[in-house]
Amino acid sequence: PELEQPLPDHFILHQNYPNPFNGTTVIKYELPLDAQIKVEIVDILGTRVRVLHDKVVSAGFHSLIWDGTNSNGLKSASGVYFINLKIDHKENYIQKIMYLK
């Protein structure tokens, strides 16, 4: 029988990898319970660049990929961005990332 992986103990937003990146980067997070999750990329001024995820997600280990594009599908400028993970419209977790074209 397949061993089940235990659920995480608490919410975690891991550092993306690779970082810095120039093609795509992987964003991993952990949820101890089902929750409404919003994952967005914002620039250094706090302007939303792209929403990667906005829905209810089951407890467990999750990953997303950002390809450096904005919500219009255009490549973003090189620079510092932030991953903003919002849980149930309350808790907020942020990771700084570096995009190099």
PDB file of N, CA and C in Angstrom:
ATOM      1  N   PRO A   1       0.842  -1.209   0.000  1.00  0.00           N
ATOM      2  CA  PRO A   1       0.000   0.000   0.000  1.00  0.00           C
ATOM      3  C   PRO A   1       0.873   1.254   0.000  1.00  0.00           C
ATOM      4  N   GLU A   2       0.346   2.281  -0.637  1.00  0.00           N
ATOM      5  CA  GLU A   2       1.067   3.547  -0.736  1.00  0.00           C
ATOM      6  C   GLU A   2       0.989   4.296   0.589  1.00  0.00           C
ATOM      7  N   LEU A   3       2.114   4.810   1.036  1.00  0.00           N
ATOM      8  CA  LEU A   3       2.138   5.570   2.280  1.00  0.00           C
ATOM      9  C   LEU A   3       1.609   6.976   2.033  1.00  0.00           C
ATOM     10  N   GLU A   4       0.693   7.410   2.906  1.00  0.00           N
ATOM     11  CA  GLU A   4       0.168   8.760   2.769  1.00  0.00           C
ATOM     12  C   GLU A   4       1.110   9.735   3.443  1.00  0.00           C
ATOM     13  N   GLN A   5       1.348  10.844   2.764  1.00  0.00           N
ATOM     14  CA  GLN A   5       2.198  11.881   3.337  1.00  0.00           C
ATOM     15  C   GLN A   5       1.367  12.646   4.365  1.00  0.00           C
ATOM     16  N   PRO A   6       1.913  12.871   5.562  1.00  0.00           N
ATOM     17  CA  PRO A   6       1.132  13.606   6.561  1.00  0.00           C
ATOM     18  C   PRO A   6       0.894  15.043   6.103  1.00  0.00           C
ATOM     19  N   LEU A   7      -0.198  15.625   6.572  1.00  0.00           N
ATOM     20  CA  LEU A   7      -0.502  17.009   6.216  1.00  0.00           C
ATOM     21  C   LEU A   7       0.477  17.940   6.928  1.00  0.00           C
ATOM     22  N   PRO A   8       0.748  19.100   6.321  1.00  0.00           N
ATOM     23  CA  PRO A   8       1.624  20.081   6.982  1.00  0.00           C
ATOM     24  C   PRO A   8       1.023  20.544   8.307  1.00  0.00           C
ATOM     25  N   ASP A   9       1.896  20.992   9.211  1.00  0.00           N
ATOM     26  CA  ASP A   9       1.443  21.481  10.520  1.00  0.00           C
ATOM     27  C   ASP A   9       0.915  22.904  10.452  1.00  0.00           C
ATOM     28  N   HIS A  10       1.440  23.704   9.508  1.00  0.00           N
ATOM     29  CA  HIS A  10       1.018  25.094   9.406  1.00  0.00           C
ATOM     30  C   HIS A  10       1.228  25.599   7.976  1.00  0.00           C
ATOM     31  N   PHE A  11       0.725  26.795   7.721  1.00  0.00           N
ATOM     32  CA  PHE A  11       0.867  27.407   6.406  1.00  0.00           C
ATOM     33  C   PHE A  11       2.326  27.773   6.170  1.00  0.00           C
ATOM     34  N   ILE A  12       2.834  27.444   4.987  1.00  0.00           N
ATOM     35  CA  ILE A  12       4.202  27.814   4.632  1.00  0.00           C
ATOM     36  C   ILE A  12       4.214  28.247   3.169  1.00  0.00           C
ATOM     37  N   LEU A  13       4.863  29.374   2.905  1.00  0.00           N
ATOM     38  CA  LEU A  13       5.167  29.781   1.537  1.00  0.00           C
ATOM     39  C   LEU A  13       6.672  29.653   1.395  1.00  0.00           C
ATOM     40  N   HIS A  14       7.113  28.700   0.593  1.00  0.00           N
ATOM     41  CA  HIS A  14       8.545  28.466   0.407  1.00  0.00           C
ATOM     42  C   HIS A  14       9.149  29.498  -0.543  1.00  0.00           C
ATOM     43  N   GLN A  15      10.465  29.665  -0.445  1.00  0.00           N
ATOM     44  CA  GLN A  15      11.169  30.514  -1.412  1.00  0.00           C
ATOM     45  C   GLN A  15      11.069  29.845  -2.780  1.00  0.00           C
ATOM     46  N   ASN A  16      10.796  30.647  -3.806  1.00  0.00           N
ATOM     47  CA  ASN A  16      10.711  30.102  -5.166  1.00  0.00           C
ATOM     48  C   ASN A  16      12.071  29.579  -5.609  1.00  0.00           C
ATOM     49  N   TYR A  17      12.055  28.723  -6.605  1.00  0.00           N
ATOM     50  CA  TYR A  17      13.320  28.266  -7.183  1.00  0.00           C
ATOM     51  C   TYR A  17      13.126  28.016  -8.671  1.00  0.00           C
ATOM     52  N   PRO A  18      14.087  28.285  -9.516  1.00  0.00           N
ATOM     53  CA  PRO A  18      15.308  28.986  -9.114  1.00  0.00           C
ATOM     54  C   PRO A  18      15.016  30.446  -8.779  1.00  0.00           C
ATOM     55  N   ASN A  19      15.911  31.068  -8.067  1.00  0.00           N
ATOM     56  CA  ASN A  19      15.796  32.485  -7.724  1.00  0.00           C
ATOM     57  C   ASN A  19      17.197  33.051  -7.595  1.00  0.00           C
ATOM     58  N   PRO A  20      17.603  34.001  -8.447  1.00  0.00           N
ATOM     59  CA  PRO A  20      16.826  34.617  -9.519  1.00  0.00           C
ATOM     60  C   PRO A  20      16.520  33.635 -10.659  1.00  0.00           C
ATOM     61  N   PHE A  21      15.534  34.015 -11.493  1.00  0.00           N
ATOM     62  CA  PHE A  21      15.149  33.149 -12.606  1.00  0.00           C
ATOM     63  C   PHE A  21      14.984  33.978 -13.868  1.00  0.00           C
ATOM     64  N   ASN A  22      15.042  33.316 -15.037  1.00  0.00           N
ATOM     65  CA  ASN A  22      14.832  34.047 -16.282  1.00  0.00           C
ATOM     66  C   ASN A  22      13.848  33.351 -17.219  1.00  0.00           C
ATOM     67  N   GLY A  23      13.392  32.171 -16.895  1.00  0.00           N
ATOM     68  CA  GLY A  23      12.401  31.482 -17.725  1.00  0.00           C
ATOM     69  C   GLY A  23      11.137  31.271 -16.920  1.00  0.00           C
ATOM     70  N   THR A  24      11.168  30.246 -16.094  1.00  0.00           N
ATOM     71  CA  THR A  24      10.055  29.983 -15.186  1.00  0.00           C
ATOM     72  C   THR A  24      10.614  29.741 -13.794  1.00  0.00           C
ATOM     73  N   THR A  25       9.747  29.917 -12.800  1.00  0.00           N
ATOM     74  CA  THR A  25      10.126  29.643 -11.421  1.00  0.00           C
ATOM     75  C   THR A  25       8.995  28.879 -10.756  1.00  0.00           C
ATOM     76  N   VAL A  26       9.352  28.020  -9.814  1.00  0.00           N
ATOM     77  CA  VAL A  26       8.372  27.198  -9.103  1.00  0.00           C
ATOM     78  C   VAL A  26       8.098  27.824  -7.739  1.00  0.00           C
ATOM     79  N   ILE A  27       6.818  27.933  -7.411  1.00  0.00           N
ATOM     80  CA  ILE A  27       6.374  28.487  -6.138  1.00  0.00           C
ATOM     81  C   ILE A  27       5.661  27.368  -5.387  1.00  0.00           C
ATOM     82  N   LYS A  28       6.196  26.980  -4.239  1.00  0.00           N
ATOM     83  CA  LYS A  28       5.585  25.908  -3.445  1.00  0.00           C
ATOM     84  C   LYS A  28       5.019  26.465  -2.154  1.00  0.00           C
ATOM     85  N   TYR A  29       3.868  25.897  -1.748  1.00  0.00           N
ATOM     86  CA  TYR A  29       3.279  26.284  -0.468  1.00  0.00           C
ATOM     87  C   TYR A  29       2.599  25.083   0.154  1.00  0.00           C
ATOM     88  N   GLU A  30       2.409  25.164   1.473  1.00  0.00           N
ATOM     89  CA  GLU A  30       1.808  24.075   2.237  1.00  0.00           C
ATOM     90  C   GLU A  30       0.603  24.591   3.019  1.00  0.00           C
ATOM     91  N   LEU A  31      -0.452  23.777   3.052  1.00  0.00           N
ATOM     92  CA  LEU A  31      -1.676  24.135   3.761  1.00  0.00           C
ATOM     93  C   LEU A  31      -2.054  23.017   4.725  1.00  0.00           C
ATOM     94  N   PRO A  32      -2.272  23.329   6.004  1.00  0.00           N
ATOM     95  CA  PRO A  32      -2.690  22.295   6.947  1.00  0.00           C
ATOM     96  C   PRO A  32      -4.176  21.954   6.828  1.00  0.00           C
ATOM     97  N   LEU A  33      -4.958  22.823   6.166  1.00  0.00           N
ATOM     98  CA  LEU A  33      -6.388  22.574   5.985  1.00  0.00           C
ATOM     99  C   LEU A  33      -6.859  23.239   4.706  1.00  0.00           C
ATOM    100  N   ASP A  34      -8.041  22.850   4.239  1.00  0.00           N
ATOM    101  CA  ASP A  34      -8.606  23.460   3.037  1.00  0.00           C
ATOM    102  C   ASP A  34      -8.770  24.956   3.274  1.00  0.00           C
ATOM    103  N   ALA A  35      -8.497  25.763   2.249  1.00  0.00           N
ATOM    104  CA  ALA A  35      -8.592  27.209   2.420  1.00  0.00           C
ATOM    105  C   ALA A  35      -8.778  27.902   1.076  1.00  0.00           C
ATOM    106  N   GLN A  36      -9.364  29.100   1.124  1.00  0.00           N
ATOM    107  CA  GLN A  36      -9.434  29.971  -0.057  1.00  0.00           C
ATOM    108  C   GLN A  36      -8.058  30.607  -0.207  1.00  0.00           C
ATOM    109  N   ILE A  37      -7.421  30.358  -1.335  1.00  0.00           N
ATOM    110  CA  ILE A  37      -6.048  30.800  -1.562  1.00  0.00           C
ATOM    111  C   ILE A  37      -6.009  31.776  -2.733  1.00  0.00           C
ATOM    112  N   LYS A  38      -5.271  32.860  -2.541  1.00  0.00           N
ATOM    113  CA  LYS A  38      -4.996  33.779  -3.652  1.00  0.00           C
ATOM    114  C   LYS A  38      -3.488  33.957  -3.708  1.00  0.00           C
ATOM    115  N   VAL A  39      -2.902  33.612  -4.851  1.00  0.00           N
ATOM    116  CA  VAL A  39      -1.466  33.776  -5.052  1.00  0.00           C
ATOM    117  C   VAL A  39      -1.304  34.775  -6.186  1.00  0.00           C
ATOM    118  N   GLU A  40      -0.642  35.893  -5.873  1.00  0.00           N
ATOM    119  CA  GLU A  40      -0.419  36.890  -6.911  1.00  0.00           C
ATOM    120  C   GLU A  40       1.023  37.359  -6.898  1.00  0.00           C
ATOM    121  N   ILE A  41       1.439  37.844  -8.055  1.00  0.00           N
ATOM    122  CA  ILE A  41       2.758  38.432  -8.209  1.00  0.00           C
ATOM    123  C   ILE A  41       2.546  39.946  -8.228  1.00  0.00           C
ATOM    124  N   VAL A  42       3.307  40.664  -7.397  1.00  0.00           N
ATOM    125  CA  VAL A  42       3.232  42.121  -7.382  1.00  0.00           C
ATOM    126  C   VAL A  42       4.629  42.692  -7.611  1.00  0.00           C
ATOM    127  N   ASP A  43       4.671  43.892  -8.172  1.00  0.00           N
ATOM    128  CA  ASP A  43       5.976  44.516  -8.415  1.00  0.00           C
ATOM    129  C   ASP A  43       6.431  45.288  -7.186  1.00  0.00           C
ATOM    130  N   ILE A  44       7.572  45.931  -7.296  1.00  0.00           N
ATOM    131  CA  ILE A  44       8.188  46.628  -6.168  1.00  0.00           C
ATOM    132  C   ILE A  44       7.308  47.775  -5.654  1.00  0.00           C
ATOM    133  N   LEU A  45       6.404  48.288  -6.494  1.00  0.00           N
ATOM    134  CA  LEU A  45       5.496  49.357  -6.092  1.00  0.00           C
ATOM    135  C   LEU A  45       4.189  48.816  -5.500  1.00  0.00           C
ATOM    136  N   GLY A  46       4.057  47.484  -5.482  1.00  0.00           N
ATOM    137  CA  GLY A  46       2.839  46.881  -4.947  1.00  0.00           C
ATOM    138  C   GLY A  46       1.740  46.716  -5.976  1.00  0.00           C
ATOM    139  N   THR A  47       2.041  46.990  -7.233  1.00  0.00           N
ATOM    140  CA  THR A  47       1.058  46.840  -8.313  1.00  0.00           C
ATOM    141  C   THR A  47       0.957  45.373  -8.704  1.00  0.00           C
ATOM    142  N   ARG A  48      -0.283  44.883  -8.789  1.00  0.00           N
ATOM    143  CA  ARG A  48      -0.484  43.485  -9.177  1.00  0.00           C
ATOM    144  C   ARG A  48      -0.036  43.278 -10.617  1.00  0.00           C
ATOM    145  N   VAL A  49       0.814  42.266 -10.802  1.00  0.00           N
ATOM    146  CA  VAL A  49       1.304  41.902 -12.131  1.00  0.00           C
ATOM    147  C   VAL A  49       0.459  40.762 -12.689  1.00  0.00           C
ATOM    148  N   ARG A  50       0.186  39.783 -11.834  1.00  0.00           N
ATOM    149  CA  ARG A  50      -0.589  38.622 -12.283  1.00  0.00           C
ATOM    150  C   ARG A  50      -1.130  37.841 -11.093  1.00  0.00           C
ATOM    151  N   VAL A  51      -2.347  37.344 -11.224  1.00  0.00           N
ATOM    152  CA  VAL A  51      -2.917  36.420 -10.236  1.00  0.00           C
ATOM    153  C   VAL A  51      -2.674  35.015 -10.776  1.00  0.00           C
ATOM    154  N   LEU A  52      -1.956  34.199  -9.999  1.00  0.00           N
ATOM    155  CA  LEU A  52      -1.653  32.828 -10.429  1.00  0.00           C
ATOM    156  C   LEU A  52      -2.721  31.844  -9.981  1.00  0.00           C
ATOM    157  N   HIS A  53      -3.397  32.173  -8.904  1.00  0.00           N
ATOM    158  CA  HIS A  53      -4.330  31.219  -8.303  1.00  0.00           C
ATOM    159  C   HIS A  53      -5.321  31.994  -7.445  1.00  0.00           C
ATOM    160  N   ASP A  54      -6.598  31.708  -7.553  1.00  0.00           N
ATOM    161  CA  ASP A  54      -7.603  32.345  -6.698  1.00  0.00           C
ATOM    162  C   ASP A  54      -8.793  31.397  -6.579  1.00  0.00           C
ATOM    163  N   LYS A  55      -8.657  30.422  -5.654  1.00  0.00           N
ATOM    164  CA  LYS A  55      -9.734  29.458  -5.462  1.00  0.00           C
ATOM    165  C   LYS A  55      -9.509  28.667  -4.186  1.00  0.00           C
ATOM    166  N   VAL A  56     -10.472  27.846  -3.836  1.00  0.00           N
ATOM    167  CA  VAL A  56     -10.341  26.975  -2.673  1.00  0.00           C
ATOM    168  C   VAL A  56      -9.402  25.832  -3.032  1.00  0.00           C
ATOM    169  N   VAL A  57      -8.451  25.566  -2.151  1.00  0.00           N
ATOM    170  CA  VAL A  57      -7.443  24.534  -2.368  1.00  0.00           C
ATOM    171  C   VAL A  57      -7.486  23.572  -1.190  1.00  0.00           C
ATOM    172  N   SER A  58      -7.303  22.293  -1.469  1.00  0.00           N
ATOM    173  CA  SER A  58      -7.329  21.293  -0.410  1.00  0.00           C
ATOM    174  C   SER A  58      -6.034  21.316   0.399  1.00  0.00           C
ATOM    175  N   ALA A  59      -6.106  20.833   1.615  1.00  0.00           N
ATOM    176  CA  ALA A  59      -4.934  20.747   2.481  1.00  0.00           C
ATOM    177  C   ALA A  59      -3.863  19.898   1.810  1.00  0.00           C
ATOM    178  N   GLY A  60      -2.601  20.257   2.039  1.00  0.00           N
ATOM    179  CA  GLY A  60      -1.512  19.473   1.484  1.00  0.00           C
ATOM    180  C   GLY A  60      -0.398  20.333   0.931  1.00  0.00           C
ATOM    181  N   PHE A  61       0.370  19.746   0.020  1.00  0.00           N
ATOM    182  CA  PHE A  61       1.546  20.371  -0.564  1.00  0.00           C
ATOM    183  C   PHE A  61       1.223  20.767  -1.999  1.00  0.00           C
ATOM    184  N   HIS A  62       1.471  22.017  -2.356  1.00  0.00           N
ATOM    185  CA  HIS A  62       1.077  22.532  -3.669  1.00  0.00           C
ATOM    186  C   HIS A  62       2.222  23.290  -4.325  1.00  0.00           C
ATOM    187  N   SER A  63       2.184  23.361  -5.655  1.00  0.00           N
ATOM    188  CA  SER A  63       3.169  24.170  -6.368  1.00  0.00           C
ATOM    189  C   SER A  63       2.523  24.828  -7.579  1.00  0.00           C
ATOM    190  N   LEU A  64       3.045  25.995  -7.921  1.00  0.00           N
ATOM    191  CA  LEU A  64       2.612  26.776  -9.075  1.00  0.00           C
ATOM    192  C   LEU A  64       3.861  27.173  -9.857  1.00  0.00           C
ATOM    193  N   ILE A  65       3.666  27.526 -11.113  1.00  0.00           N
ATOM    194  CA  ILE A  65       4.780  28.000 -11.933  1.00  0.00           C
ATOM    195  C   ILE A  65       4.433  29.390 -12.440  1.00  0.00           C
ATOM    196  N   TRP A  66       5.394  30.307 -12.323  1.00  0.00           N
ATOM    197  CA  TRP A  66       5.239  31.630 -12.941  1.00  0.00           C
ATOM    198  C   TRP A  66       6.270  31.750 -14.045  1.00  0.00           C
ATOM    199  N   ASP A  67       5.810  32.168 -15.215  1.00  0.00           N
ATOM    200  CA  ASP A  67       6.685  32.262 -16.389  1.00  0.00           C
ATOM    201  C   ASP A  67       7.163  33.685 -16.663  1.00  0.00           C
ATOM    202  N   GLY A  68       6.992  34.594 -15.712  1.00  0.00           N
ATOM    203  CA  GLY A  68       7.467  35.960 -15.877  1.00  0.00           C
ATOM    204  C   GLY A  68       6.544  36.847 -16.683  1.00  0.00           C
ATOM    205  N   THR A  69       5.346  36.349 -17.032  1.00  0.00           N
ATOM    206  CA  THR A  69       4.415  37.174 -17.803  1.00  0.00           C
ATOM    207  C   THR A  69       3.395  37.841 -16.891  1.00  0.00           C
ATOM    208  N   ASN A  70       2.842  38.944 -17.401  1.00  0.00           N
ATOM    209  CA  ASN A  70       1.796  39.636 -16.648  1.00  0.00           C
ATOM    210  C   ASN A  70       0.430  39.074 -17.042  1.00  0.00           C
ATOM    211  N   SER A  71      -0.634  39.691 -16.543  1.00  0.00           N
ATOM    212  CA  SER A  71      -1.983  39.171 -16.803  1.00  0.00           C
ATOM    213  C   SER A  71      -2.393  39.309 -18.267  1.00  0.00           C
ATOM    214  N   ASN A  72      -1.657  40.106 -19.048  1.00  0.00           N
ATOM    215  CA  ASN A  72      -1.927  40.236 -20.481  1.00  0.00           C
ATOM    216  C   ASN A  72      -1.069  39.297 -21.321  1.00  0.00           C
ATOM    217  N   GLY A  73      -0.250  38.465 -20.655  1.00  0.00           N
ATOM    218  CA  GLY A  73       0.594  37.525 -21.370  1.00  0.00           C
ATOM    219  C   GLY A  73       1.909  38.116 -21.869  1.00  0.00           C
ATOM    220  N   LEU A  74       2.200  39.362 -21.468  1.00  0.00           N
ATOM    221  CA  LEU A  74       3.441  40.015 -21.880  1.00  0.00           C
ATOM    222  C   LEU A  74       4.532  39.771 -20.855  1.00  0.00           C
ATOM    223  N   LYS A  75       5.782  39.666 -21.325  1.00  0.00           N
ATOM    224  CA  LYS A  75       6.911  39.466 -20.409  1.00  0.00           C
ATOM    225  C   LYS A  75       7.071  40.681 -19.508  1.00  0.00           C
ATOM    226  N   SER A  76       7.266  40.429 -18.227  1.00  0.00           N
ATOM    227  CA  SER A  76       7.493  41.504 -17.272  1.00  0.00           C
ATOM    228  C   SER A  76       8.930  42.002 -17.397  1.00  0.00           C
ATOM    229  N   ALA A  77       9.178  43.196 -16.897  1.00  0.00           N
ATOM    230  CA  ALA A  77      10.532  43.748 -16.894  1.00  0.00           C
ATOM    231  C   ALA A  77      11.384  43.010 -15.867  1.00  0.00           C
ATOM    232  N   SER A  78      12.689  42.989 -16.089  1.00  0.00           N
ATOM    233  CA  SER A  78      13.601  42.420 -15.090  1.00  0.00           C
ATOM    234  C   SER A  78      13.483  43.234 -13.807  1.00  0.00           C
ATOM    235  N   GLY A  79      13.638  42.562 -12.665  1.00  0.00           N
ATOM    236  CA  GLY A  79      13.603  43.285 -11.404  1.00  0.00           C
ATOM    237  C   GLY A  79      13.106  42.451 -10.259  1.00  0.00           C
ATOM    238  N   VAL A  80      12.824  43.144  -9.155  1.00  0.00           N
ATOM    239  CA  VAL A  80      12.346  42.504  -7.938  1.00  0.00           C
ATOM    240  C   VAL A  80      10.826  42.454  -7.963  1.00  0.00           C
ATOM    241  N   TYR A  81      10.291  41.289  -7.610  1.00  0.00           N
ATOM    242  CA  TYR A  81       8.850  41.088  -7.495  1.00  0.00           C
ATOM    243  C   TYR A  81       8.580  40.390  -6.176  1.00  0.00           C
ATOM    244  N   PHE A  82       7.318  40.302  -5.830  1.00  0.00           N
ATOM    245  CA  PHE A  82       6.932  39.619  -4.601  1.00  0.00           C
ATOM    246  C   PHE A  82       5.821  38.629  -4.897  1.00  0.00           C
ATOM    247  N   ILE A  83       5.933  37.452  -4.285  1.00  0.00           N
ATOM    248  CA  ILE A  83       4.848  36.478  -4.299  1.00  0.00           C
ATOM    249  C   ILE A  83       3.999  36.818  -3.084  1.00  0.00           C
ATOM    250  N   ASN A  84       2.724  37.038  -3.288  1.00  0.00           N
ATOM    251  CA  ASN A  84       1.806  37.365  -2.201  1.00  0.00           C
ATOM    252  C   ASN A  84       0.792  36.228  -2.094  1.00  0.00           C
ATOM    253  N   LEU A  85       0.865  35.472  -1.012  1.00  0.00           N
ATOM    254  CA  LEU A  85      -0.060  34.359  -0.769  1.00  0.00           C
ATOM    255  C   LEU A  85      -1.035  34.790   0.316  1.00  0.00           C
ATOM    256  N   LYS A  86      -2.309  34.902  -0.059  1.00  0.00           N
ATOM    257  CA  LYS A  86      -3.347  35.315   0.885  1.00  0.00           C
ATOM    258  C   LYS A  86      -4.235  34.110   1.176  1.00  0.00           C
ATOM    259  N   ILE A  87      -4.483  33.861   2.450  1.00  0.00           N
ATOM    260  CA  ILE A  87      -5.265  32.694   2.870  1.00  0.00           C
ATOM    261  C   ILE A  87      -6.562  33.154   3.533  1.00  0.00           C
ATOM    262  N   ASP A  88      -7.677  32.674   2.999  1.00  0.00           N
ATOM    263  CA  ASP A  88      -9.010  33.010   3.520  1.00  0.00           C
ATOM    264  C   ASP A  88      -9.208  34.516   3.692  1.00  0.00           C
ATOM    265  N   HIS A  89      -8.620  35.303   2.810  1.00  0.00           N
ATOM    266  CA  HIS A  89      -8.746  36.768   2.814  1.00  0.00           C
ATOM    267  C   HIS A  89      -8.240  37.396   4.112  1.00  0.00           C
ATOM    268  N   LYS A  90      -7.404  36.666   4.883  1.00  0.00           N
ATOM    269  CA  LYS A  90      -6.921  37.188   6.166  1.00  0.00           C
ATOM    270  C   LYS A  90      -5.404  37.147   6.228  1.00  0.00           C
ATOM    271  N   GLU A  91      -4.874  35.942   6.387  1.00  0.00           N
ATOM    272  CA  GLU A  91      -3.425  35.787   6.545  1.00  0.00           C
ATOM    273  C   GLU A  91      -2.708  36.065   5.231  1.00  0.00           C
ATOM    274  N   ASN A  92      -1.525  36.647   5.345  1.00  0.00           N
ATOM    275  CA  ASN A  92      -0.755  37.033   4.171  1.00  0.00           C
ATOM    276  C   ASN A  92       0.687  36.591   4.337  1.00  0.00           C
ATOM    277  N   TYR A  93       1.226  35.932   3.313  1.00  0.00           N
ATOM    278  CA  TYR A  93       2.626  35.505   3.316  1.00  0.00           C
ATOM    279  C   TYR A  93       3.283  36.078   2.069  1.00  0.00           C
ATOM    280  N   ILE A  94       4.511  36.574   2.222  1.00  0.00           N
ATOM    281  CA  ILE A  94       5.190  37.241   1.112  1.00  0.00           C
ATOM    282  C   ILE A  94       6.610  36.705   0.962  1.00  0.00           C
ATOM    283  N   GLN A  95       7.019  36.491  -0.286  1.00  0.00           N
ATOM    284  CA  GLN A  95       8.397  36.110  -0.605  1.00  0.00           C
ATOM    285  C   GLN A  95       8.900  37.046  -1.705  1.00  0.00           C
ATOM    286  N   LYS A  96      10.126  37.526  -1.536  1.00  0.00           N
ATOM    287  CA  LYS A  96      10.763  38.381  -2.541  1.00  0.00           C
ATOM    288  C   LYS A  96      11.414  37.487  -3.598  1.00  0.00           C
ATOM    289  N   ILE A  97      11.221  37.837  -4.873  1.00  0.00           N
ATOM    290  CA  ILE A  97      11.825  37.078  -5.960  1.00  0.00           C
ATOM    291  C   ILE A  97      12.513  38.029  -6.941  1.00  0.00           C
ATOM    292  N   MET A  98      13.438  37.486  -7.720  1.00  0.00           N
ATOM    293  CA  MET A  98      14.189  38.292  -8.689  1.00  0.00           C
ATOM    294  C   MET A  98      14.023  37.687 -10.075  1.00  0.00           C
ATOM    295  N   TYR A  99      13.523  38.520 -10.996  1.00  0.00           N
ATOM    296  CA  TYR A  99      13.318  38.092 -12.378  1.00  0.00           C
ATOM    297  C   TYR A  99      14.359  38.771 -13.258  1.00  0.00           C
ATOM    298  N   LEU A 100      15.110  37.982 -14.006  1.00  0.00           N
ATOM    299  CA  LEU A 100      16.136  38.500 -14.916  1.00  0.00           C
ATOM    300  C   LEU A 100      15.836  38.019 -16.323  1.00  0.00           C
ATOM    301  N   LYS A 101      15.665  38.947 -17.246  1.00  0.00           N
ATOM    302  CA  LYS A 101      15.397  38.563 -18.640  1.00  0.00           C
ATOM    303  C   LYS A 101      16.679  38.314 -19.375  1.00  0.00           C
TER     304      LYS A 101
END
